[in-house]
Protein backbone atom coordinates (compact mmCIF):
# COMPACT_ATOMS: atom_id res chain seq x y z
CA MET A 1 10.91 -5.25 -18.79
CA THR A 2 11.59 -7.89 -16.37
CA PRO A 3 7.99 -9.60 -15.22
CA PRO A 4 7.08 -8.84 -11.63
CA ASP A 5 7.66 -11.72 -9.07
CA GLN A 6 4.70 -12.86 -7.99
CA SER A 7 6.03 -14.23 -4.94
CA ASN A 8 6.60 -10.84 -3.69
CA GLN A 9 3.59 -9.65 -4.18
CA LEU A 10 0.84 -9.62 -1.90
CA VAL A 11 -2.55 -9.59 -2.50
CA LEU A 12 -5.49 -9.08 -0.18
CA ILE A 13 -8.71 -10.25 -0.90
CA VAL A 14 -11.78 -8.48 0.62
CA ASP A 15 -15.32 -10.29 0.67
CA ASP A 16 -17.38 -11.24 3.59
CA ASP A 17 -18.40 -14.89 1.46
CA ASP A 18 -15.65 -17.39 3.46
CA ASP A 19 -16.19 -19.57 0.32
CA ILE A 20 -14.84 -16.70 -2.07
CA ARG A 21 -12.15 -16.00 -0.25
CA ASP A 22 -10.95 -19.30 0.23
CA LEU A 23 -11.77 -20.23 -3.78
CA LEU A 24 -9.67 -16.84 -4.80
CA SER A 25 -6.95 -17.73 -2.42
CA ALA A 26 -6.55 -21.04 -3.88
CA GLN A 27 -6.87 -20.00 -7.63
CA LEU A 28 -4.47 -17.30 -6.69
CA GLY A 29 -2.21 -19.02 -4.85
CA ARG A 30 -1.72 -21.56 -7.65
CA ALA A 31 -0.48 -18.86 -10.00
CA GLY A 32 2.11 -18.21 -7.62
CA PHE A 33 0.60 -15.32 -5.08
CA ALA A 34 0.94 -14.64 -1.92
CA THR A 35 -2.94 -14.33 -0.34
CA ILE A 36 -4.76 -12.88 2.84
CA GLY A 37 -8.23 -12.56 3.36
CA ALA A 38 -10.47 -9.69 4.87
CA ALA A 39 -13.96 -10.36 5.89
CA SER A 40 -15.01 -6.61 6.65
CA LEU A 41 -13.99 -3.65 5.78
CA ASP A 42 -12.50 -2.91 9.54
CA GLU A 43 -10.17 -5.89 8.61
CA ALA A 44 -9.06 -4.64 5.09
CA ARG A 45 -7.94 -1.74 6.80
CA SER A 46 -6.01 -3.46 9.82
CA ALA A 47 -4.39 -5.84 6.99
CA LEU A 48 -3.37 -2.63 4.87
CA ASP A 49 -1.56 -0.93 7.91
CA CYS A 50 -0.18 -4.36 9.20
CA HIS A 51 1.20 -6.04 5.85
CA PRO A 52 3.04 -4.99 2.40
CA VAL A 53 -0.10 -5.30 0.46
CA ARG A 54 0.59 -5.17 -3.61
CA VAL A 55 -3.13 -5.73 -4.51
CA MET A 56 -6.17 -5.47 -3.02
CA LEU A 57 -9.79 -7.35 -4.80
CA LEU A 58 -12.68 -5.52 -3.09
CA ASP A 59 -15.93 -6.47 -3.41
CA LEU A 60 -18.61 -3.76 -3.09
CA SER A 61 -21.18 -4.94 -1.31
CA LEU A 62 -20.16 -5.73 2.42
CA ALA A 63 -21.76 -6.31 5.55
CA ASP A 64 -20.04 -3.43 7.33
CA GLY A 65 -19.92 -0.46 4.33
CA ASP A 66 -19.66 -0.01 0.73
CA GLY A 67 -16.53 -0.55 -0.83
CA MET A 68 -17.23 2.05 -3.32
CA ALA A 69 -17.04 4.36 -0.70
CA PHE A 70 -14.02 2.36 1.08
CA CYS A 71 -11.99 2.85 -1.83
CA ARG A 72 -12.50 6.62 -2.24
CA ASP A 73 -11.56 7.01 1.78
CA LEU A 74 -8.39 4.92 1.11
CA ARG A 75 -7.49 7.45 -2.00
CA ALA A 76 -8.35 10.34 -0.12
CA GLU A 77 -6.36 9.47 3.11
CA GLY A 78 -3.20 8.49 0.66
CA TYR A 79 -2.97 4.76 0.20
CA SER A 80 -1.45 4.00 -3.08
CA VAL A 81 -2.48 0.16 -2.97
CA THR A 82 -3.55 -1.19 -6.14
CA ILE A 83 -7.27 -1.83 -6.26
CA MET A 84 -9.12 -4.09 -8.34
CA MET A 85 -12.84 -4.05 -7.50
CA LEU A 86 -14.86 -7.29 -8.15
CA THR A 87 -18.53 -7.04 -8.01
CA ALA A 88 -22.09 -7.95 -9.21
CA ARG A 89 -22.81 -4.52 -10.22
CA ASP A 90 -21.99 -4.44 -14.25
CA ARG A 91 -24.04 -0.91 -15.04
CA ALA A 92 -21.63 1.21 -17.02
CA ALA A 93 -22.48 3.90 -14.49
CA ASP A 94 -21.32 1.52 -11.81
CA ARG A 95 -17.66 0.77 -13.75
CA VAL A 96 -17.30 4.66 -14.19
CA GLU A 97 -18.04 5.47 -10.22
CA GLY A 98 -15.27 2.81 -9.63
CA LEU A 99 -12.97 4.02 -11.65
CA GLU A 100 -13.22 7.68 -10.97
CA GLY A 101 -13.43 7.14 -7.22
CA GLY A 102 -9.80 5.72 -7.58
CA ALA A 103 -10.17 1.89 -8.58
CA ASP A 104 -7.28 0.39 -11.07
CA ASP A 105 -9.31 -1.87 -12.82
CA TYR A 106 -13.12 -2.84 -12.35
CA LEU A 107 -13.89 -6.81 -13.07
CA THR A 108 -18.06 -7.80 -12.74
CA LYS A 109 -18.99 -11.50 -11.36
CA PRO A 110 -18.96 -14.12 -12.81
CA PHE A 111 -15.68 -14.21 -14.44
CA GLU A 112 -12.91 -16.56 -15.86
CA PRO A 113 -10.00 -16.98 -12.95
CA ARG A 114 -7.03 -17.00 -15.64
CA GLU A 115 -8.83 -13.25 -16.87
CA LEU A 116 -8.95 -12.45 -12.98
CA ILE A 117 -4.93 -13.19 -12.97
CA ALA A 118 -4.48 -11.77 -16.32
CA ARG A 119 -5.79 -8.26 -15.03
CA ILE A 120 -3.74 -8.52 -11.79
CA ARG A 121 -0.65 -9.25 -13.89
CA ASN A 122 -1.15 -6.28 -15.90
CA LEU A 123 -1.85 -4.16 -13.00
CA LEU A 124 1.68 -5.38 -11.72
CA ARG A 125 3.24 -4.44 -14.66
CA ARG A 126 1.96 -0.97 -14.65
CA GLY A 127 3.08 -0.67 -11.51
CA GLN A 128 6.78 -1.39 -12.16
CA HIS A 129 6.45 0.50 -15.11
CA ARG A 130 5.63 3.85 -13.61
CA ASP A 131 8.34 3.06 -10.70
CA GLU A 132 10.93 2.98 -13.43
CA LEU A 133 10.25 5.62 -14.84
CA THR A 134 10.33 8.11 -11.56
CA GLY A 135 12.93 5.40 -10.39
CA ARG A 136 12.54 2.17 -8.74
CA PHE A 137 15.01 2.37 -5.82
CA ALA A 138 15.47 5.69 -3.27
CA SER A 139 18.36 5.48 -1.65
CA PHE A 140 18.65 7.61 1.91
CA GLY A 141 21.20 7.03 4.51
CA PRO A 142 22.23 3.51 4.78
CA TRP A 143 19.18 2.33 3.19
CA ARG A 144 17.47 1.93 0.16
CA LEU A 145 13.86 1.53 -0.44
CA ASP A 146 12.45 -0.30 -3.17
CA LEU A 147 9.02 1.46 -4.53
CA ALA A 148 7.78 -1.66 -6.28
CA ARG A 149 8.14 -4.04 -3.46
CA ARG A 150 7.68 -1.82 -0.84
CA ARG A 151 11.03 -3.16 0.70
CA LEU A 152 13.62 -1.65 2.65
CA SER A 153 17.06 -3.00 2.56
CA GLY A 154 20.27 -1.83 4.37
CA PRO A 155 24.44 -2.62 3.72
CA ASP A 156 23.92 -6.29 4.42
CA GLU A 157 20.86 -6.58 2.47
CA ARG A 158 18.85 -8.13 4.79
CA VAL A 159 15.30 -6.97 4.02
CA VAL A 160 12.76 -5.02 6.03
CA ILE A 161 9.21 -5.36 5.64
CA LEU A 162 7.35 -2.58 6.08
CA SER A 163 3.48 -1.67 6.39
CA THR A 164 1.42 0.09 4.19
CA THR A 165 1.18 2.92 6.59
CA GLU A 166 5.07 3.16 7.56
CA PHE A 167 5.90 2.82 3.48
CA ALA A 168 3.38 5.76 3.08
CA ILE A 169 5.05 7.70 5.52
CA LEU A 170 8.41 6.87 4.61
CA ARG A 171 7.85 7.78 0.90
CA ARG A 172 6.28 11.03 1.81
CA LEU A 173 9.21 12.03 4.00
CA LEU A 174 11.63 10.67 1.20
CA GLU A 175 9.69 13.12 -1.47
CA SER A 176 10.90 16.13 0.97
CA PRO A 177 14.19 15.43 2.10
CA ARG A 178 15.13 17.88 4.57
CA LEU A 179 11.85 19.47 4.43
CA GLU A 180 9.63 20.43 7.73
CA LEU A 181 6.41 17.97 7.08
CA GLY A 182 3.38 18.79 8.93
CA ARG A 183 1.83 15.73 11.06
CA GLU A 184 -1.86 16.34 8.60
CA GLU A 185 0.71 16.03 5.81
CA LEU A 186 2.27 12.41 6.97
CA LEU A 187 -0.90 11.04 8.42
CA PRO A 188 -3.65 12.60 6.06
CA GLU A 189 -6.31 9.93 6.95
CA ARG A 190 -6.22 11.52 10.73
CA LYS A 191 -5.62 14.94 9.85
CA GLU A 192 -8.76 15.87 11.46
CA THR A 193 -7.24 14.07 14.94
CA VAL A 194 -3.67 13.74 14.37
CA TRP A 195 -2.30 16.64 16.56
CA PHE A 196 -4.33 14.76 19.77
CA ASP A 197 -3.73 11.29 19.10
CA ARG A 198 -0.90 9.11 19.20
CA SER A 199 -1.18 7.16 16.04
CA LEU A 200 1.28 9.27 14.04
CA ASP A 201 3.84 9.05 17.09
CA ASN A 202 3.49 5.35 17.40
CA ARG A 203 4.11 4.88 13.65
CA ILE A 204 7.09 6.70 13.69
CA ALA A 205 8.68 5.15 16.65
CA ARG A 206 8.52 1.86 14.63
CA LEU A 207 9.84 3.31 11.37
CA ARG A 208 12.70 4.80 13.61
CA ALA A 209 12.91 1.36 15.15
CA LYS A 210 13.45 -0.21 11.71
CA LEU A 211 15.70 2.45 10.63
CA ALA A 212 18.24 2.24 13.37
CA ARG A 213 18.90 -1.51 12.68
CA ALA A 214 21.63 -0.36 10.15
CA GLU A 215 24.76 1.59 11.19
CA GLY A 216 23.82 5.01 10.34
CA GLY A 217 20.08 4.87 10.23
CA ASP A 218 19.62 6.15 13.71
CA GLY A 219 18.57 9.94 13.76
CA LEU A 220 17.55 9.74 9.91
CA ILE A 221 13.83 11.10 11.06
CA VAL A 222 13.70 14.39 13.55
CA THR A 223 11.07 15.68 15.24
CA VAL A 224 10.51 19.37 14.65
CA ARG A 225 8.88 20.45 17.82
CA ASN A 226 5.63 22.06 17.29
CA LYS A 227 5.28 21.39 13.30
CA GLY A 228 6.12 17.57 12.34
CA PHE A 229 8.73 15.85 11.29
CA LEU A 230 11.55 15.78 8.47
CA LEU A 231 14.26 13.53 7.46
CA ALA A 232 17.83 14.32 8.31
CA CYS A 233 19.21 13.25 4.78
CA ASP A 234 19.73 13.40 1.12
CA VAL A 235 17.58 11.12 -1.13
CA THR A 236 18.97 9.86 -4.43
CA TYR A 237 16.78 7.73 -6.92
CA VAL A 238 17.81 5.03 -9.40
């Protein structure tokens, strides 16, 4: 198996301590990873929606909420980002709760930077292997979606970066081509209000604009009146 290309793996560091974020960012940067930071759960959610985050390092004790509950909420809402919890909570019960709540790994403080980096690389290898078993690339219309790196590329090989939410919506459409998907299926994190707000419409509009950059990409996502949306083409996995 080819080792993951670290330069293409974005790590989100969620911690309300500026010094810890800076320290982790420096350590990961020396190991070849790209990083962004978030000092709160609100900032973390915004980062997930705006950037193609591959791994999130999540502290559990944050000023604006509990990281454990945040992890459970993300999984319930359909976010597939790899999550590693970093915390001083070292009880076995806390570890079990974190892993059962949707975390992919759990590391207690203090820890060796080398162990953190090794664990991140292991998580990336596991994710890559999972994608290879199911098909790493999804081809549809003129586009190809890299399911491991969450990158969209057209016939000219130019890469289009998708946000975490855009990727999740597109992947749900690709999983059910030519089938009508309700609005709550495409944006489950807003299932209670999705019929009344414009969140999904705005994200679909951005996706359509990106898909329309390639000839034949316009019209791939079709609106089904009073129902939702569908992907109007076949999908192949390789």
